[in-house]
Amino acid sequence: MSVKHALLALLDEEPMYGYQLRAAFEERTASTWPLNIGQVYTTLSRLERDGLVEGGDTDDDGHQIYKLTEAGHGELTEWFGGAVPRSQPARDELAIKVALAVSAPGLDAGAVIQRQRAATMTALQGYNRLKRGTADLAYGLVLDSLIFAAEAEVRWLDHCDARLRRVAAQPEGGAP
């Protein structure tokens, strides 16, 4: 997730201070990816250093208000105009866990897969319940992303389970 670009996008709408940015981010993403306030201010410092935002005025409570610079607007335009790179996949803890489970001696990898499948199905049901209860477009799209990812995870776990069963059914010394 690009906190940098998320903050730039929010500042493109209006100048804000750190806590407002965090609240706006969490509102738009339905708090799916909680944002630490320290991370917000660290990112704002870097953005200011790089000339993408400028801090200036303070509000009545003394909070420094940040606004997007022309360079920041250009960076944001470039980000929205491009695709999210897929060349370096994020580390997937579940894929690593399953890969290690199927080769761990004495471990029931099928049980590991089934426990995860049950947990993912529970999450999927929760996302669908939340989706039925919202009319907010941004929140709905975030929920759609979570639903599609959970559905894909269930399909992948079913695939893993089927492959594990096929391998287990092969005679000793057969091709994997």
C-alpha atoms as a PDB file:
ATOM      1  CA  MET A   1       0.000   0.000   0.000  1.00  0.00           C
ATOM      2  CA  SER A   2       1.318   3.422  -0.869  1.00  0.00           C
ATOM      3  CA  VAL A   3       0.674   5.650   2.123  1.00  0.00           C
ATOM      4  CA  LYS A   4       2.563   8.367   0.280  1.00  0.00           C
ATOM      5  CA  HIS A   5       0.150   8.407  -2.634  1.00  0.00           C
ATOM      6  CA  ALA A   6      -2.902   7.994  -0.429  1.00  0.00           C
ATOM      7  CA  LEU A   7      -1.937  11.108   1.532  1.00  0.00           C
ATOM      8  CA  LEU A   8      -1.253  13.023  -1.689  1.00  0.00           C
ATOM      9  CA  ALA A   9      -4.700  12.051  -3.011  1.00  0.00           C
ATOM     10  CA  LEU A  10      -6.400  13.223   0.176  1.00  0.00           C
ATOM     11  CA  LEU A  11      -4.449  16.494   0.201  1.00  0.00           C
ATOM     12  CA  ASP A  12      -5.468  17.051  -3.419  1.00  0.00           C
ATOM     13  CA  GLU A  13      -9.030  17.468  -2.128  1.00  0.00           C
ATOM     14  CA  GLU A  14      -8.171  19.966   0.619  1.00  0.00           C
ATOM     15  CA  PRO A  15      -5.377  20.907   3.017  1.00  0.00           C
ATOM     16  CA  MET A  16      -5.415  18.825   6.216  1.00  0.00           C
ATOM     17  CA  TYR A  17      -3.367  18.019   9.275  1.00  0.00           C
ATOM     18  CA  GLY A  18      -2.119  14.552  10.183  1.00  0.00           C
ATOM     19  CA  TYR A  19      -5.031  13.312  12.286  1.00  0.00           C
ATOM     20  CA  GLN A  20      -7.498  14.487   9.632  1.00  0.00           C
ATOM     21  CA  LEU A  21      -5.527  12.602   6.980  1.00  0.00           C
ATOM     22  CA  ARG A  22      -5.556   9.412   9.039  1.00  0.00           C
ATOM     23  CA  ALA A  23      -9.299   9.723   9.701  1.00  0.00           C
ATOM     24  CA  ALA A  24     -10.047  10.409   6.015  1.00  0.00           C
ATOM     25  CA  PHE A  25      -7.892   7.467   4.908  1.00  0.00           C
ATOM     26  CA  GLU A  26      -9.566   5.081   7.341  1.00  0.00           C
ATOM     27  CA  GLU A  27     -13.009   6.365   6.388  1.00  0.00           C
ATOM     28  CA  ARG A  28     -12.329   5.767   2.673  1.00  0.00           C
ATOM     29  CA  THR A  29     -10.897   2.311   3.258  1.00  0.00           C
ATOM     30  CA  ALA A  30     -13.406   1.319   5.928  1.00  0.00           C
ATOM     31  CA  SER A  31     -10.520   0.984   8.415  1.00  0.00           C
ATOM     32  CA  THR A  32      -9.439  -2.116   6.518  1.00  0.00           C
ATOM     33  CA  TRP A  33      -5.814  -1.009   6.661  1.00  0.00           C
ATOM     34  CA  PRO A  34      -5.399   0.947   9.911  1.00  0.00           C
ATOM     35  CA  LEU A  35      -2.914   3.752   9.545  1.00  0.00           C
ATOM     36  CA  ASN A  36      -0.600   4.541  12.445  1.00  0.00           C
ATOM     37  CA  ILE A  37      -0.467   8.283  13.170  1.00  0.00           C
ATOM     38  CA  GLY A  38       3.323   8.057  13.467  1.00  0.00           C
ATOM     39  CA  GLN A  39       3.435   6.674   9.929  1.00  0.00           C
ATOM     40  CA  VAL A  40       1.290   9.579   8.735  1.00  0.00           C
ATOM     41  CA  TYR A  41       3.612  12.192  10.208  1.00  0.00           C
ATOM     42  CA  THR A  42       6.760  10.370   9.075  1.00  0.00           C
ATOM     43  CA  THR A  43       5.358  10.218   5.537  1.00  0.00           C
ATOM     44  CA  LEU A  44       4.329  13.887   5.671  1.00  0.00           C
ATOM     45  CA  SER A  45       7.881  14.804   6.699  1.00  0.00           C
ATOM     46  CA  ARG A  46       9.294  12.909   3.711  1.00  0.00           C
ATOM     47  CA  LEU A  47       6.736  14.436   1.369  1.00  0.00           C
ATOM     48  CA  GLU A  48       7.625  17.899   2.641  1.00  0.00           C
ATOM     49  CA  ARG A  49      11.353  17.163   2.297  1.00  0.00           C
ATOM     50  CA  ASP A  50      10.753  16.017  -1.298  1.00  0.00           C
ATOM     51  CA  GLY A  51       8.732  19.144  -2.118  1.00  0.00           C
ATOM     52  CA  LEU A  52       5.461  17.280  -2.706  1.00  0.00           C
ATOM     53  CA  VAL A  53       3.599  18.927   0.187  1.00  0.00           C
ATOM     54  CA  GLU A  54       4.187  21.985   2.253  1.00  0.00           C
ATOM     55  CA  GLY A  55       3.314  22.540   5.856  1.00  0.00           C
ATOM     56  CA  GLY A  56       2.409  26.015   6.820  1.00  0.00           C
ATOM     57  CA  ASP A  57      -0.563  27.404   8.611  1.00  0.00           C
ATOM     58  CA  THR A  58      -1.843  25.936  11.845  1.00  0.00           C
ATOM     59  CA  ASP A  59      -5.440  25.545  12.872  1.00  0.00           C
ATOM     60  CA  ASP A  60      -6.939  26.899  16.105  1.00  0.00           C
ATOM     61  CA  ASP A  61      -5.629  23.876  18.012  1.00  0.00           C
ATOM     62  CA  GLY A  62      -2.088  24.340  16.743  1.00  0.00           C
ATOM     63  CA  HIS A  63      -2.112  21.472  14.236  1.00  0.00           C
ATOM     64  CA  GLN A  64       0.101  22.110  11.228  1.00  0.00           C
ATOM     65  CA  ILE A  65      -1.914  22.100   8.026  1.00  0.00           C
ATOM     66  CA  TYR A  66      -0.340  20.443   4.972  1.00  0.00           C
ATOM     67  CA  LYS A  67      -1.198  21.212   1.381  1.00  0.00           C
ATOM     68  CA  LEU A  68      -0.252  19.686  -1.931  1.00  0.00           C
ATOM     69  CA  THR A  69       2.383  21.469  -4.023  1.00  0.00           C
ATOM     70  CA  GLU A  70       2.440  21.581  -7.813  1.00  0.00           C
ATOM     71  CA  ALA A  71       5.116  18.854  -7.746  1.00  0.00           C
ATOM     72  CA  GLY A  72       2.866  16.801  -5.465  1.00  0.00           C
ATOM     73  CA  HIS A  73      -0.012  17.183  -7.871  1.00  0.00           C
ATOM     74  CA  GLY A  74       2.249  16.008 -10.700  1.00  0.00           C
ATOM     75  CA  GLU A  75       3.336  12.959  -8.661  1.00  0.00           C
ATOM     76  CA  LEU A  76      -0.305  12.147  -7.919  1.00  0.00           C
ATOM     77  CA  THR A  77      -1.306  12.528 -11.581  1.00  0.00           C
ATOM     78  CA  GLU A  78       1.519  10.179 -12.559  1.00  0.00           C
ATOM     79  CA  TRP A  79       0.448   7.626  -9.917  1.00  0.00           C
ATOM     80  CA  PHE A  80      -3.209   7.663 -11.007  1.00  0.00           C
ATOM     81  CA  GLY A  81      -2.108   7.505 -14.655  1.00  0.00           C
ATOM     82  CA  GLY A  82       0.000   4.378 -14.197  1.00  0.00           C
ATOM     83  CA  ALA A  83      -0.636   0.816 -13.155  1.00  0.00           C
ATOM     84  CA  VAL A  84       0.293  -0.736  -9.832  1.00  0.00           C
ATOM     85  CA  PRO A  85       3.408  -2.822 -10.599  1.00  0.00           C
ATOM     86  CA  ARG A  86       3.103  -6.584 -10.214  1.00  0.00           C
ATOM     87  CA  SER A  87       6.747  -7.411 -10.968  1.00  0.00           C
ATOM     88  CA  GLN A  88       7.679  -7.930  -7.303  1.00  0.00           C
ATOM     89  CA  PRO A  89       4.835  -9.805  -5.619  1.00  0.00           C
ATOM     90  CA  ALA A  90       4.238  -9.061  -1.972  1.00  0.00           C
ATOM     91  CA  ARG A  91       5.343 -11.767   0.423  1.00  0.00           C
ATOM     92  CA  ASP A  92       2.298 -13.970   1.014  1.00  0.00           C
ATOM     93  CA  GLU A  93       2.354 -15.484   4.488  1.00  0.00           C
ATOM     94  CA  LEU A  94      -0.331 -18.032   3.628  1.00  0.00           C
ATOM     95  CA  ALA A  95       1.490 -19.303   0.519  1.00  0.00           C
ATOM     96  CA  ILE A  96       4.695 -19.612   2.553  1.00  0.00           C
ATOM     97  CA  LYS A  97       2.853 -21.418   5.366  1.00  0.00           C
ATOM     98  CA  VAL A  98       1.247 -23.935   2.993  1.00  0.00           C
ATOM     99  CA  ALA A  99       4.507 -24.500   1.088  1.00  0.00           C
ATOM    100  CA  LEU A 100       6.304 -25.253   4.353  1.00  0.00           C
ATOM    101  CA  ALA A 101       3.423 -27.320   5.745  1.00  0.00           C
ATOM    102  CA  VAL A 102       3.355 -29.742   2.803  1.00  0.00           C
ATOM    103  CA  SER A 103       7.026 -30.539   3.323  1.00  0.00           C
ATOM    104  CA  ALA A 104       7.095 -30.610   7.133  1.00  0.00           C
ATOM    105  CA  PRO A 105       7.518 -34.148   8.451  1.00  0.00           C
ATOM    106  CA  GLY A 106       4.689 -35.335  10.657  1.00  0.00           C
ATOM    107  CA  LEU A 107       2.476 -32.307  10.018  1.00  0.00           C
ATOM    108  CA  ASP A 108      -1.035 -32.750   8.654  1.00  0.00           C
ATOM    109  CA  ALA A 109      -0.868 -30.168   5.842  1.00  0.00           C
ATOM    110  CA  GLY A 110      -4.472 -30.954   4.889  1.00  0.00           C
ATOM    111  CA  ALA A 111      -5.610 -29.832   8.350  1.00  0.00           C
ATOM    112  CA  VAL A 112      -3.600 -26.619   8.006  1.00  0.00           C
ATOM    113  CA  ILE A 113      -5.315 -25.950   4.674  1.00  0.00           C
ATOM    114  CA  GLN A 114      -8.791 -26.739   6.033  1.00  0.00           C
ATOM    115  CA  ARG A 115      -8.356 -24.496   9.096  1.00  0.00           C
ATOM    116  CA  GLN A 116      -7.353 -21.637   6.822  1.00  0.00           C
ATOM    117  CA  ARG A 117     -10.235 -22.345   4.463  1.00  0.00           C
ATOM    118  CA  ALA A 118     -12.704 -22.175   7.366  1.00  0.00           C
ATOM    119  CA  ALA A 119     -11.186 -18.885   8.579  1.00  0.00           C
ATOM    120  CA  THR A 120     -11.271 -17.403   5.087  1.00  0.00           C
ATOM    121  CA  MET A 121     -14.900 -18.459   4.598  1.00  0.00           C
ATOM    122  CA  THR A 122     -15.805 -16.778   7.900  1.00  0.00           C
ATOM    123  CA  ALA A 123     -14.059 -13.580   6.766  1.00  0.00           C
ATOM    124  CA  LEU A 124     -15.789 -13.784   3.384  1.00  0.00           C
ATOM    125  CA  GLN A 125     -19.199 -14.047   5.047  1.00  0.00           C
ATOM    126  CA  GLY A 126     -18.353 -11.026   7.201  1.00  0.00           C
ATOM    127  CA  TYR A 127     -17.284  -8.957   4.189  1.00  0.00           C
ATOM    128  CA  ASN A 128     -20.516  -9.876   2.396  1.00  0.00           C
ATOM    129  CA  ARG A 129     -22.575  -8.842   5.446  1.00  0.00           C
ATOM    130  CA  LEU A 130     -20.756  -5.494   5.565  1.00  0.00           C
ATOM    131  CA  LYS A 131     -21.281  -5.011   1.831  1.00  0.00           C
ATOM    132  CA  ARG A 132     -25.030  -5.484   2.163  1.00  0.00           C
ATOM    133  CA  GLY A 133     -25.045  -2.760   4.838  1.00  0.00           C
ATOM    134  CA  THR A 134     -23.280   0.009   2.932  1.00  0.00           C
ATOM    135  CA  ALA A 135     -24.211   2.416   0.193  1.00  0.00           C
ATOM    136  CA  ASP A 136     -20.840   4.220   0.265  1.00  0.00           C
ATOM    137  CA  LEU A 137     -19.038   3.705  -3.053  1.00  0.00           C
ATOM    138  CA  ALA A 138     -15.452   3.845  -1.742  1.00  0.00           C
ATOM    139  CA  TYR A 139     -16.197   1.491   1.156  1.00  0.00           C
ATOM    140  CA  GLY A 140     -18.107  -0.828  -1.186  1.00  0.00           C
ATOM    141  CA  LEU A 141     -15.183  -1.020  -3.600  1.00  0.00           C
ATOM    142  CA  VAL A 142     -12.765  -1.827  -0.773  1.00  0.00           C
ATOM    143  CA  LEU A 143     -15.140  -4.556   0.374  1.00  0.00           C
ATOM    144  CA  ASP A 144     -15.376  -5.864  -3.207  1.00  0.00           C
ATOM    145  CA  SER A 145     -11.583  -6.143  -3.259  1.00  0.00           C
ATOM    146  CA  LEU A 146     -11.593  -8.059   0.024  1.00  0.00           C
ATOM    147  CA  ILE A 147     -14.398 -10.323  -1.179  1.00  0.00           C
ATOM    148  CA  PHE A 148     -12.652 -11.118  -4.468  1.00  0.00           C
ATOM    149  CA  ALA A 149      -9.354 -11.779  -2.665  1.00  0.00           C
ATOM    150  CA  ALA A 150     -11.057 -14.084  -0.156  1.00  0.00           C
ATOM    151  CA  GLU A 151     -12.867 -15.945  -2.954  1.00  0.00           C
ATOM    152  CA  ALA A 152      -9.564 -16.386  -4.798  1.00  0.00           C
ATOM    153  CA  GLU A 153      -7.935 -17.612  -1.590  1.00  0.00           C
ATOM    154  CA  VAL A 154     -10.672 -20.217  -1.087  1.00  0.00           C
ATOM    155  CA  ARG A 155     -10.219 -21.411  -4.696  1.00  0.00           C
ATOM    156  CA  TRP A 156      -6.439 -21.629  -4.182  1.00  0.00           C
ATOM    157  CA  LEU A 157      -6.860 -23.536  -0.902  1.00  0.00           C
ATOM    158  CA  ASP A 158      -9.254 -25.957  -2.629  1.00  0.00           C
ATOM    159  CA  HIS A 159      -6.643 -26.406  -5.369  1.00  0.00           C
ATOM    160  CA  CYS A 160      -3.912 -27.043  -2.751  1.00  0.00           C
ATOM    161  CA  ASP A 161      -6.103 -29.585  -0.982  1.00  0.00           C
ATOM    162  CA  ALA A 162      -6.881 -31.389  -4.254  1.00  0.00           C
ATOM    163  CA  ARG A 163      -3.188 -31.546  -5.219  1.00  0.00           C
ATOM    164  CA  LEU A 164      -2.271 -32.793  -1.766  1.00  0.00           C
ATOM    165  CA  ARG A 165      -4.879 -35.545  -2.053  1.00  0.00           C
ATOM    166  CA  ARG A 166      -3.660 -36.527  -5.548  1.00  0.00           C
ATOM    167  CA  VAL A 167      -0.067 -36.782  -4.324  1.00  0.00           C
ATOM    168  CA  ALA A 168      -1.153 -38.802  -1.285  1.00  0.00           C
ATOM    169  CA  ALA A 169      -3.092 -41.208  -3.534  1.00  0.00           C
ATOM    170  CA  GLN A 170      -0.078 -41.960  -5.740  1.00  0.00           C
ATOM    171  CA  PRO A 171       1.874 -45.133  -5.110  1.00  0.00           C
ATOM    172  CA  GLU A 172       5.195 -44.706  -3.295  1.00  0.00           C
ATOM    173  CA  GLY A 173       7.896 -43.583  -5.730  1.00  0.00           C
ATOM    174  CA  GLY A 174       5.349 -42.290  -8.276  1.00  0.00           C
ATOM    175  CA  ALA A 175       5.798 -38.994 -10.049  1.00  0.00           C
ATOM    176  CA  PRO A 176       4.847 -36.008  -7.850  1.00  0.00           C
END
